[in-house]
Amino acid sequence: MSSRRKPTRRTRVLVGGAALAVVGAGVVGTIAANAADTNGAVPAATPVAVRAGDLAQTTHLTLKAAEQAARAALDAAVKDGRQVSVAVVDRDGNTLVTLRGDGAGPQSYESAERKAFTAVSWNAPTSELAGRLAQAPALKDIPGTLFLAGGTPVTAKGAPVAGIGVAGAPSGDLDEKYARAGAAALGR
């Protein structure tokens, strides 16, 4: 008589699971081996060419130009004795340059970015856009926007390529004056 005990349910499940794992690994290995060519290399995915009609070309401001615009805006504010922050965003609203002037308030940094984003998004000065809130008050709920004077778009061939935002001066009119000074520096 044998003194072997019948395996428990738990043991059978563990042994069965291990056996399935071994079989599964063998199947995966076989599939992977069959996918390789005769030299043992896995074939590369074939690149897909996009039709020219499915592409759009855009113009973006260079980093050097963005730095030049930001510096011109900040210099105009400093000349008037104002402490501001300046932001320049690209056509897609991505921040290229932000300068926080000496003594500029902590809120001015984000406000400048949001004004620049708003100006490029609507291709209009934010002082003009602020007036549109009376007809469409829900505009202010769009994330990342700030409908206060101080942002101006930069255009090329009639299309927006960047936005310049300034914040921290005592009035939005002054902020926008400095933003326009930054944009004007690009036209020289």
N, C-alpha and C. Protein backbone atom coordinates (compact mmCIF):
# COMPACT_ATOMS: atom_id res chain seq x y z
N MET A 1 0.79 -1.16 0.00
CA MET A 1 0.00 0.00 0.00
C MET A 1 0.85 1.24 0.00
N SER A 2 0.39 2.17 -0.76
CA SER A 2 1.13 3.42 -0.88
C SER A 2 0.66 4.39 0.17
N SER A 3 1.61 5.16 0.69
CA SER A 3 1.26 6.14 1.70
C SER A 3 1.09 7.54 1.10
N ARG A 4 0.98 7.56 -0.19
CA ARG A 4 0.79 8.86 -0.85
C ARG A 4 -0.60 9.35 -0.60
N ARG A 5 -0.68 10.67 -0.31
CA ARG A 5 -1.99 11.27 -0.12
C ARG A 5 -2.45 11.89 -1.42
N LYS A 6 -3.72 12.00 -1.54
CA LYS A 6 -4.31 12.63 -2.72
C LYS A 6 -4.02 14.13 -2.63
N PRO A 7 -3.56 14.75 -3.76
CA PRO A 7 -3.25 16.19 -3.70
C PRO A 7 -4.51 17.01 -3.39
N THR A 8 -4.30 18.09 -2.64
CA THR A 8 -5.42 18.96 -2.28
C THR A 8 -5.83 19.78 -3.50
N ARG A 9 -6.99 20.36 -3.39
CA ARG A 9 -7.49 21.21 -4.47
C ARG A 9 -6.52 22.37 -4.73
N ARG A 10 -6.00 22.95 -3.68
CA ARG A 10 -5.07 24.07 -3.81
C ARG A 10 -3.82 23.64 -4.57
N THR A 11 -3.28 22.49 -4.25
CA THR A 11 -2.08 21.98 -4.92
C THR A 11 -2.36 21.75 -6.40
N ARG A 12 -3.52 21.17 -6.71
CA ARG A 12 -3.87 20.92 -8.11
C ARG A 12 -3.99 22.23 -8.88
N VAL A 13 -4.58 23.25 -8.27
CA VAL A 13 -4.72 24.54 -8.94
C VAL A 13 -3.34 25.16 -9.18
N LEU A 14 -2.46 25.12 -8.20
CA LEU A 14 -1.11 25.68 -8.35
C LEU A 14 -0.33 24.96 -9.44
N VAL A 15 -0.37 23.62 -9.43
CA VAL A 15 0.35 22.84 -10.44
C VAL A 15 -0.25 23.09 -11.82
N GLY A 16 -1.57 23.16 -11.91
CA GLY A 16 -2.22 23.43 -13.20
C GLY A 16 -1.88 24.82 -13.71
N GLY A 17 -1.85 25.80 -12.82
CA GLY A 17 -1.49 27.17 -13.22
C GLY A 17 -0.06 27.24 -13.71
N ALA A 18 0.84 26.57 -13.05
CA ALA A 18 2.24 26.56 -13.47
C ALA A 18 2.37 25.89 -14.84
N ALA A 19 1.64 24.82 -15.05
CA ALA A 19 1.69 24.13 -16.34
C ALA A 19 1.17 25.03 -17.44
N LEU A 20 0.08 25.76 -17.19
CA LEU A 20 -0.45 26.69 -18.18
C LEU A 20 0.55 27.80 -18.49
N ALA A 21 1.26 28.29 -17.47
CA ALA A 21 2.25 29.34 -17.68
C ALA A 21 3.39 28.84 -18.58
N VAL A 22 3.82 27.62 -18.35
CA VAL A 22 4.89 27.05 -19.18
C VAL A 22 4.42 26.90 -20.62
N VAL A 23 3.22 26.39 -20.82
CA VAL A 23 2.67 26.22 -22.16
C VAL A 23 2.50 27.58 -22.82
N GLY A 24 1.97 28.54 -22.07
CA GLY A 24 1.77 29.89 -22.62
C GLY A 24 3.08 30.52 -23.04
N ALA A 25 4.12 30.36 -22.25
CA ALA A 25 5.43 30.92 -22.60
C ALA A 25 5.96 30.27 -23.86
N GLY A 26 5.73 29.00 -24.01
CA GLY A 26 6.17 28.31 -25.22
C GLY A 26 5.45 28.81 -26.45
N VAL A 27 4.14 29.06 -26.32
CA VAL A 27 3.36 29.56 -27.45
C VAL A 27 3.84 30.95 -27.83
N VAL A 28 4.05 31.83 -26.84
CA VAL A 28 4.52 33.19 -27.12
C VAL A 28 5.90 33.14 -27.77
N GLY A 29 6.77 32.29 -27.26
CA GLY A 29 8.10 32.16 -27.84
C GLY A 29 8.04 31.67 -29.28
N THR A 30 7.14 30.74 -29.55
CA THR A 30 6.98 30.22 -30.92
C THR A 30 6.49 31.31 -31.85
N ILE A 31 5.51 32.09 -31.39
CA ILE A 31 4.97 33.17 -32.22
C ILE A 31 6.06 34.21 -32.49
N ALA A 32 6.82 34.57 -31.46
CA ALA A 32 7.88 35.56 -31.63
C ALA A 32 8.96 35.04 -32.58
N ALA A 33 9.29 33.77 -32.46
CA ALA A 33 10.31 33.20 -33.34
C ALA A 33 9.82 33.18 -34.78
N ASN A 34 8.55 32.89 -34.99
CA ASN A 34 8.00 32.87 -36.34
C ASN A 34 7.90 34.26 -36.95
N ALA A 35 7.81 35.30 -36.09
CA ALA A 35 7.71 36.67 -36.60
C ALA A 35 9.06 37.15 -37.13
N ALA A 36 10.14 36.54 -36.68
CA ALA A 36 11.47 36.96 -37.13
C ALA A 36 11.72 36.43 -38.54
N ASP A 37 12.48 37.21 -39.30
CA ASP A 37 12.82 36.72 -40.64
C ASP A 37 13.95 35.70 -40.52
N THR A 38 14.48 35.26 -41.61
CA THR A 38 15.50 34.21 -41.59
C THR A 38 16.79 34.67 -40.93
N ASN A 39 17.04 35.97 -40.87
CA ASN A 39 18.25 36.46 -40.21
C ASN A 39 18.03 36.67 -38.71
N GLY A 40 16.84 36.41 -38.22
CA GLY A 40 16.56 36.55 -36.80
C GLY A 40 16.09 37.95 -36.42
N ALA A 41 15.98 38.86 -37.37
CA ALA A 41 15.54 40.23 -37.06
C ALA A 41 14.03 40.32 -37.19
N VAL A 42 13.43 41.09 -36.30
CA VAL A 42 11.99 41.32 -36.36
C VAL A 42 11.75 42.40 -37.40
N PRO A 43 10.81 42.21 -38.33
CA PRO A 43 10.59 43.20 -39.37
C PRO A 43 10.07 44.51 -38.77
N ALA A 44 10.55 45.63 -39.29
CA ALA A 44 10.13 46.95 -38.83
C ALA A 44 8.74 47.27 -39.36
N ALA A 45 8.04 48.09 -38.65
CA ALA A 45 6.72 48.52 -39.11
C ALA A 45 6.90 49.39 -40.35
N THR A 46 6.02 49.22 -41.29
CA THR A 46 6.10 50.00 -42.52
C THR A 46 5.63 51.42 -42.24
N PRO A 47 6.45 52.44 -42.57
CA PRO A 47 6.02 53.82 -42.34
C PRO A 47 4.83 54.16 -43.23
N VAL A 48 3.96 54.98 -42.70
CA VAL A 48 2.78 55.42 -43.44
C VAL A 48 3.02 56.85 -43.90
N ALA A 49 2.90 57.09 -45.17
CA ALA A 49 3.08 58.43 -45.71
C ALA A 49 1.73 59.14 -45.70
N VAL A 50 1.73 60.35 -45.18
CA VAL A 50 0.52 61.17 -45.13
C VAL A 50 0.42 61.97 -46.41
N ARG A 51 -0.78 62.05 -46.94
CA ARG A 51 -0.99 62.84 -48.16
C ARG A 51 -0.78 64.32 -47.86
N ALA A 52 -0.24 65.03 -48.83
CA ALA A 52 0.04 66.45 -48.66
C ALA A 52 -1.22 67.23 -48.32
N GLY A 53 -2.36 66.83 -48.83
CA GLY A 53 -3.61 67.51 -48.55
C GLY A 53 -4.08 67.35 -47.11
N ASP A 54 -3.45 66.42 -46.37
CA ASP A 54 -3.83 66.19 -44.97
C ASP A 54 -2.90 66.91 -44.00
N LEU A 55 -2.05 67.78 -44.50
CA LEU A 55 -1.11 68.52 -43.66
C LEU A 55 -1.42 70.00 -43.67
N ALA A 56 -1.13 70.65 -42.56
CA ALA A 56 -1.26 72.10 -42.47
C ALA A 56 0.08 72.65 -42.04
N GLN A 57 0.48 73.74 -42.63
CA GLN A 57 1.72 74.38 -42.22
C GLN A 57 1.40 75.62 -41.41
N THR A 58 2.15 75.83 -40.35
CA THR A 58 1.96 77.00 -39.52
C THR A 58 3.29 77.72 -39.35
N THR A 59 3.19 78.96 -39.00
CA THR A 59 4.38 79.77 -38.76
C THR A 59 4.46 80.04 -37.26
N HIS A 60 5.63 79.83 -36.71
CA HIS A 60 5.83 80.05 -35.28
C HIS A 60 6.95 81.06 -35.06
N LEU A 61 6.83 81.82 -34.01
CA LEU A 61 7.85 82.77 -33.62
C LEU A 61 9.05 82.00 -33.08
N THR A 62 10.26 82.44 -33.44
CA THR A 62 11.45 81.78 -32.92
C THR A 62 11.66 82.17 -31.46
N LEU A 63 12.43 81.38 -30.76
CA LEU A 63 12.75 81.68 -29.37
C LEU A 63 13.51 83.00 -29.29
N LYS A 64 14.41 83.22 -30.22
CA LYS A 64 15.18 84.47 -30.21
C LYS A 64 14.26 85.68 -30.36
N ALA A 65 13.29 85.59 -31.26
CA ALA A 65 12.34 86.69 -31.45
C ALA A 65 11.47 86.86 -30.20
N ALA A 66 11.05 85.76 -29.59
CA ALA A 66 10.25 85.83 -28.37
C ALA A 66 11.02 86.52 -27.24
N GLU A 67 12.29 86.18 -27.11
CA GLU A 67 13.13 86.82 -26.10
C GLU A 67 13.27 88.32 -26.37
N GLN A 68 13.44 88.67 -27.63
CA GLN A 68 13.56 90.07 -28.03
C GLN A 68 12.28 90.84 -27.68
N ALA A 69 11.13 90.26 -27.98
CA ALA A 69 9.86 90.91 -27.69
C ALA A 69 9.65 91.07 -26.18
N ALA A 70 9.94 90.02 -25.44
CA ALA A 70 9.77 90.07 -23.98
C ALA A 70 10.69 91.13 -23.37
N ARG A 71 11.91 91.17 -23.83
CA ARG A 71 12.87 92.15 -23.30
C ARG A 71 12.41 93.57 -23.63
N ALA A 72 11.92 93.81 -24.85
CA ALA A 72 11.45 95.14 -25.25
C ALA A 72 10.26 95.58 -24.40
N ALA A 73 9.35 94.67 -24.12
CA ALA A 73 8.19 94.99 -23.29
C ALA A 73 8.63 95.32 -21.87
N LEU A 74 9.51 94.51 -21.31
CA LEU A 74 9.99 94.75 -19.95
C LEU A 74 10.77 96.06 -19.88
N ASP A 75 11.62 96.32 -20.87
CA ASP A 75 12.39 97.57 -20.89
C ASP A 75 11.47 98.79 -20.94
N ALA A 76 10.39 98.72 -21.71
CA ALA A 76 9.44 99.84 -21.81
C ALA A 76 8.81 100.11 -20.44
N ALA A 77 8.48 99.04 -19.72
CA ALA A 77 7.88 99.19 -18.40
C ALA A 77 8.89 99.78 -17.40
N VAL A 78 10.10 99.27 -17.43
CA VAL A 78 11.15 99.75 -16.51
C VAL A 78 11.43 101.23 -16.77
N LYS A 79 11.43 101.61 -18.03
CA LYS A 79 11.66 103.01 -18.40
C LYS A 79 10.62 103.92 -17.75
N ASP A 80 9.38 103.41 -17.62
CA ASP A 80 8.30 104.17 -16.98
C ASP A 80 8.26 103.95 -15.46
N GLY A 81 9.20 103.18 -14.94
CA GLY A 81 9.25 102.93 -13.50
C GLY A 81 8.23 101.91 -13.02
N ARG A 82 7.80 101.01 -13.90
CA ARG A 82 6.79 100.00 -13.56
C ARG A 82 7.43 98.63 -13.36
N GLN A 83 6.86 97.90 -12.41
CA GLN A 83 7.33 96.54 -12.13
C GLN A 83 6.29 95.56 -12.67
N VAL A 84 6.66 94.85 -13.72
CA VAL A 84 5.73 93.96 -14.41
C VAL A 84 6.38 92.61 -14.71
N SER A 85 5.52 91.69 -15.10
CA SER A 85 5.96 90.43 -15.68
C SER A 85 5.50 90.41 -17.12
N VAL A 86 6.29 89.75 -17.97
CA VAL A 86 6.00 89.66 -19.40
C VAL A 86 6.04 88.19 -19.80
N ALA A 87 5.09 87.78 -20.62
CA ALA A 87 5.08 86.42 -21.15
C ALA A 87 4.87 86.47 -22.66
N VAL A 88 5.54 85.58 -23.36
CA VAL A 88 5.35 85.42 -24.80
C VAL A 88 5.01 83.96 -25.02
N VAL A 89 3.87 83.73 -25.70
CA VAL A 89 3.45 82.37 -26.02
C VAL A 89 3.47 82.18 -27.53
N ASP A 90 3.61 80.93 -27.96
CA ASP A 90 3.60 80.65 -29.41
C ASP A 90 2.17 80.52 -29.91
N ARG A 91 2.03 80.20 -31.16
CA ARG A 91 0.72 80.10 -31.81
C ARG A 91 -0.21 79.12 -31.12
N ASP A 92 0.36 78.10 -30.51
CA ASP A 92 -0.43 77.08 -29.84
C ASP A 92 -0.68 77.41 -28.36
N GLY A 93 -0.22 78.57 -27.92
CA GLY A 93 -0.43 78.98 -26.53
C GLY A 93 0.60 78.47 -25.56
N ASN A 94 1.67 77.84 -26.07
CA ASN A 94 2.74 77.34 -25.21
C ASN A 94 3.69 78.48 -24.86
N THR A 95 4.05 78.58 -23.60
CA THR A 95 4.91 79.66 -23.16
C THR A 95 6.32 79.48 -23.71
N LEU A 96 6.81 80.52 -24.38
CA LEU A 96 8.17 80.53 -24.89
C LEU A 96 9.11 81.22 -23.92
N VAL A 97 8.68 82.39 -23.42
CA VAL A 97 9.53 83.21 -22.54
C VAL A 97 8.64 83.87 -21.50
N THR A 98 9.11 83.90 -20.27
CA THR A 98 8.46 84.69 -19.23
C THR A 98 9.56 85.41 -18.46
N LEU A 99 9.39 86.72 -18.32
CA LEU A 99 10.32 87.52 -17.53
C LEU A 99 9.56 88.18 -16.40
N ARG A 100 10.04 88.00 -15.20
CA ARG A 100 9.41 88.67 -14.05
C ARG A 100 10.35 89.78 -13.64
N GLY A 101 9.89 91.01 -13.84
CA GLY A 101 10.72 92.17 -13.51
C GLY A 101 10.95 92.29 -12.02
N ASP A 102 12.00 93.00 -11.67
CA ASP A 102 12.31 93.25 -10.26
C ASP A 102 11.11 93.91 -9.59
N GLY A 103 10.66 93.35 -8.49
CA GLY A 103 9.57 93.92 -7.72
C GLY A 103 8.18 93.63 -8.26
N ALA A 104 8.06 92.87 -9.33
CA ALA A 104 6.73 92.54 -9.88
C ALA A 104 5.99 91.64 -8.89
N GLY A 105 4.70 91.86 -8.76
CA GLY A 105 3.89 91.08 -7.83
C GLY A 105 3.81 89.61 -8.22
N PRO A 106 3.57 88.75 -7.24
CA PRO A 106 3.54 87.31 -7.52
C PRO A 106 2.41 86.89 -8.47
N GLN A 107 1.31 87.64 -8.48
CA GLN A 107 0.20 87.31 -9.36
C GLN A 107 0.49 87.70 -10.80
N SER A 108 1.45 88.58 -11.01
CA SER A 108 1.69 89.10 -12.36
C SER A 108 2.24 88.05 -13.32
N TYR A 109 2.98 87.10 -12.81
CA TYR A 109 3.60 86.08 -13.65
C TYR A 109 2.54 85.26 -14.39
N GLU A 110 1.60 84.68 -13.64
CA GLU A 110 0.55 83.87 -14.26
C GLU A 110 -0.40 84.74 -15.08
N SER A 111 -0.69 85.94 -14.59
CA SER A 111 -1.60 86.83 -15.33
C SER A 111 -1.02 87.18 -16.69
N ALA A 112 0.28 87.42 -16.77
CA ALA A 112 0.91 87.74 -18.05
C ALA A 112 0.78 86.57 -19.02
N GLU A 113 1.00 85.36 -18.54
CA GLU A 113 0.87 84.18 -19.40
C GLU A 113 -0.55 84.02 -19.90
N ARG A 114 -1.52 84.21 -19.02
CA ARG A 114 -2.92 84.04 -19.41
C ARG A 114 -3.37 85.12 -20.39
N LYS A 115 -2.88 86.34 -20.21
CA LYS A 115 -3.21 87.41 -21.16
C LYS A 115 -2.62 87.11 -22.54
N ALA A 116 -1.38 86.63 -22.56
CA ALA A 116 -0.74 86.28 -23.83
C ALA A 116 -1.51 85.15 -24.52
N PHE A 117 -1.89 84.15 -23.76
CA PHE A 117 -2.66 83.02 -24.29
C PHE A 117 -3.99 83.49 -24.87
N THR A 118 -4.66 84.36 -24.16
CA THR A 118 -5.96 84.88 -24.60
C THR A 118 -5.81 85.68 -25.89
N ALA A 119 -4.78 86.52 -25.96
CA ALA A 119 -4.57 87.35 -27.15
C ALA A 119 -4.30 86.51 -28.39
N VAL A 120 -3.46 85.49 -28.27
CA VAL A 120 -3.16 84.66 -29.44
C VAL A 120 -4.34 83.76 -29.79
N SER A 121 -5.10 83.34 -28.80
CA SER A 121 -6.24 82.45 -29.06
C SER A 121 -7.31 83.12 -29.90
N TRP A 122 -7.54 84.41 -29.67
CA TRP A 122 -8.57 85.14 -30.41
C TRP A 122 -7.99 86.14 -31.40
N ASN A 123 -6.67 86.19 -31.50
CA ASN A 123 -6.00 87.10 -32.43
C ASN A 123 -6.53 88.53 -32.28
N ALA A 124 -6.60 88.96 -31.02
CA ALA A 124 -7.09 90.30 -30.72
C ALA A 124 -6.49 90.76 -29.40
N PRO A 125 -6.33 92.06 -29.23
CA PRO A 125 -5.86 92.58 -27.94
C PRO A 125 -6.87 92.22 -26.84
N THR A 126 -6.36 91.94 -25.66
CA THR A 126 -7.26 91.53 -24.59
C THR A 126 -8.16 92.67 -24.12
N SER A 127 -7.76 93.92 -24.34
CA SER A 127 -8.65 95.03 -23.98
C SER A 127 -9.92 94.98 -24.83
N GLU A 128 -9.77 94.63 -26.09
CA GLU A 128 -10.92 94.47 -26.99
C GLU A 128 -11.77 93.27 -26.58
N LEU A 129 -11.10 92.20 -26.22
CA LEU A 129 -11.82 90.98 -25.83
C LEU A 129 -12.58 91.16 -24.53
N ALA A 130 -12.05 91.97 -23.62
CA ALA A 130 -12.73 92.22 -22.35
C ALA A 130 -14.10 92.83 -22.61
N GLY A 131 -14.21 93.66 -23.64
CA GLY A 131 -15.49 94.25 -24.00
C GLY A 131 -16.50 93.23 -24.50
N ARG A 132 -16.04 92.13 -25.03
CA ARG A 132 -16.95 91.09 -25.55
C ARG A 132 -17.63 90.29 -24.44
N LEU A 133 -17.12 90.40 -23.22
CA LEU A 133 -17.70 89.63 -22.12
C LEU A 133 -19.15 90.02 -21.85
N ALA A 134 -19.52 91.26 -22.14
CA ALA A 134 -20.90 91.68 -21.92
C ALA A 134 -21.86 90.86 -22.78
N GLN A 135 -21.46 90.56 -24.01
CA GLN A 135 -22.31 89.78 -24.91
C GLN A 135 -22.16 88.28 -24.67
N ALA A 136 -21.01 87.85 -24.20
CA ALA A 136 -20.75 86.41 -24.01
C ALA A 136 -20.00 86.19 -22.70
N PRO A 137 -20.68 86.31 -21.56
CA PRO A 137 -19.99 86.21 -20.27
C PRO A 137 -19.34 84.85 -20.01
N ALA A 138 -19.76 83.81 -20.71
CA ALA A 138 -19.18 82.48 -20.50
C ALA A 138 -17.75 82.39 -21.02
N LEU A 139 -17.31 83.36 -21.82
CA LEU A 139 -15.92 83.34 -22.32
C LEU A 139 -14.93 83.28 -21.17
N LYS A 140 -15.24 83.95 -20.08
CA LYS A 140 -14.32 84.00 -18.95
C LYS A 140 -14.09 82.63 -18.30
N ASP A 141 -14.97 81.67 -18.62
CA ASP A 141 -14.86 80.33 -18.05
C ASP A 141 -13.92 79.42 -18.83
N ILE A 142 -13.39 79.88 -19.94
CA ILE A 142 -12.49 79.05 -20.73
C ILE A 142 -11.15 78.96 -20.00
N PRO A 143 -10.68 77.75 -19.72
CA PRO A 143 -9.44 77.58 -18.96
C PRO A 143 -8.25 78.28 -19.61
N GLY A 144 -7.43 78.90 -18.77
CA GLY A 144 -6.19 79.52 -19.23
C GLY A 144 -6.34 80.94 -19.74
N THR A 145 -7.57 81.44 -19.83
CA THR A 145 -7.79 82.77 -20.38
C THR A 145 -7.89 83.82 -19.27
N LEU A 146 -7.63 85.07 -19.66
CA LEU A 146 -7.80 86.20 -18.75
C LEU A 146 -8.20 87.39 -19.60
N PHE A 147 -9.42 87.83 -19.43
CA PHE A 147 -9.97 88.91 -20.24
C PHE A 147 -9.78 90.25 -19.55
N LEU A 148 -8.53 90.62 -19.37
CA LEU A 148 -8.15 91.93 -18.85
C LEU A 148 -7.15 92.54 -19.82
N ALA A 149 -7.16 93.85 -19.95
CA ALA A 149 -6.22 94.51 -20.86
C ALA A 149 -4.78 94.17 -20.46
N GLY A 150 -3.94 94.03 -21.49
CA GLY A 150 -2.53 93.73 -21.24
C GLY A 150 -1.97 92.67 -22.16
N GLY A 151 -2.77 92.13 -23.06
CA GLY A 151 -2.28 91.13 -24.00
C GLY A 151 -2.47 91.61 -25.42
N THR A 152 -1.51 91.28 -26.27
CA THR A 152 -1.61 91.65 -27.68
C THR A 152 -1.12 90.50 -28.55
N PRO A 153 -1.79 90.27 -29.69
CA PRO A 153 -1.32 89.21 -30.58
C PRO A 153 -0.18 89.69 -31.46
N VAL A 154 0.58 88.75 -31.96
CA VAL A 154 1.62 89.01 -32.96
C VAL A 154 1.21 88.21 -34.19
N THR A 155 1.17 88.85 -35.35
CA THR A 155 0.71 88.16 -36.56
C THR A 155 1.78 88.15 -37.64
N ALA A 156 1.65 87.20 -38.53
CA ALA A 156 2.47 87.11 -39.73
C ALA A 156 1.55 86.64 -40.84
N LYS A 157 1.54 87.36 -41.94
CA LYS A 157 0.68 87.02 -43.08
C LYS A 157 -0.79 86.93 -42.65
N GLY A 158 -1.18 87.80 -41.73
CA GLY A 158 -2.56 87.86 -41.29
C GLY A 158 -2.98 86.81 -40.28
N ALA A 159 -2.10 85.93 -39.90
CA ALA A 159 -2.44 84.87 -38.94
C ALA A 159 -1.64 85.07 -37.65
N PRO A 160 -2.23 84.72 -36.51
CA PRO A 160 -1.50 84.86 -35.25
C PRO A 160 -0.35 83.87 -35.16
N VAL A 161 0.80 84.35 -34.71
CA VAL A 161 1.96 83.48 -34.51
C VAL A 161 2.43 83.48 -33.06
N ALA A 162 1.95 84.45 -32.27
CA ALA A 162 2.35 84.55 -30.87
C ALA A 162 1.43 85.51 -30.15
N GLY A 163 1.54 85.51 -28.84
CA GLY A 163 0.84 86.48 -28.01
C GLY A 163 1.80 87.00 -26.97
N ILE A 164 1.68 88.28 -26.65
CA ILE A 164 2.51 88.89 -25.62
C ILE A 164 1.58 89.40 -24.53
N GLY A 165 1.86 89.02 -23.30
CA GLY A 165 1.05 89.45 -22.17
C GLY A 165 1.92 90.16 -21.15
N VAL A 166 1.39 91.23 -20.60
CA VAL A 166 2.07 91.99 -19.55
C VAL A 166 1.10 92.18 -18.40
N ALA A 167 1.58 92.04 -17.18
CA ALA A 167 0.75 92.22 -16.00
C ALA A 167 1.59 92.83 -14.87
N GLY A 168 0.95 93.65 -14.08
CA GLY A 168 1.61 94.22 -12.91
C GLY A 168 1.62 95.73 -12.85
N ALA A 169 1.38 96.40 -13.98
CA ALA A 169 1.31 97.86 -13.98
C ALA A 169 0.02 98.28 -13.27
N PRO A 170 -0.07 99.54 -12.88
CA PRO A 170 -1.29 99.98 -12.17
C PRO A 170 -2.57 99.89 -12.99
N SER A 171 -2.48 99.79 -14.31
CA SER A 171 -3.70 99.67 -15.12
C SER A 171 -3.45 98.73 -16.29
N GLY A 172 -4.54 98.16 -16.79
CA GLY A 172 -4.45 97.30 -17.97
C GLY A 172 -4.00 98.06 -19.19
N ASP A 173 -4.35 99.35 -19.26
CA ASP A 173 -3.92 100.16 -20.39
C ASP A 173 -2.40 100.24 -20.46
N LEU A 174 -1.76 100.40 -19.30
CA LEU A 174 -0.30 100.42 -19.28
C LEU A 174 0.27 99.05 -19.63
N ASP A 175 -0.32 98.00 -19.07
CA ASP A 175 0.13 96.64 -19.41
C ASP A 175 0.10 96.45 -20.92
N GLU A 176 -1.00 96.86 -21.54
CA GLU A 176 -1.13 96.66 -22.98
C GLU A 176 -0.16 97.55 -23.77
N LYS A 177 0.11 98.73 -23.25
CA LYS A 177 1.10 99.62 -23.89
C LYS A 177 2.45 98.91 -23.96
N TYR A 178 2.84 98.25 -22.87
CA TYR A 178 4.12 97.55 -22.84
C TYR A 178 4.11 96.30 -23.72
N ALA A 179 2.98 95.62 -23.76
CA ALA A 179 2.86 94.45 -24.65
C ALA A 179 3.01 94.89 -26.11
N ARG A 180 2.39 96.01 -26.46
CA ARG A 180 2.52 96.53 -27.83
C ARG A 180 3.97 96.93 -28.13
N ALA A 181 4.68 97.44 -27.12
CA ALA A 181 6.09 97.78 -27.32
C ALA A 181 6.90 96.52 -27.65
N GLY A 182 6.55 95.42 -27.00
CA GLY A 182 7.22 94.15 -27.29
C GLY A 182 6.93 93.69 -28.71
N ALA A 183 5.67 93.82 -29.13
CA ALA A 183 5.30 93.41 -30.49
C ALA A 183 5.97 94.31 -31.52
N ALA A 184 6.05 95.60 -31.22
CA ALA A 184 6.66 96.55 -32.16
C ALA A 184 8.14 96.24 -32.36
N ALA A 185 8.79 95.70 -31.35
CA ALA A 185 10.22 95.35 -31.46
C ALA A 185 10.45 94.28 -32.52
N LEU A 186 9.43 93.49 -32.79
CA LEU A 186 9.57 92.42 -33.79
C LEU A 186 9.46 92.96 -35.22
N GLY A 187 8.88 94.14 -35.36
CA GLY A 187 8.70 94.71 -36.70
C GLY A 187 9.88 95.55 -37.16
N ARG A 188 10.90 95.64 -36.35
CA ARG A 188 12.06 96.48 -36.70
C ARG A 188 12.99 95.77 -37.63
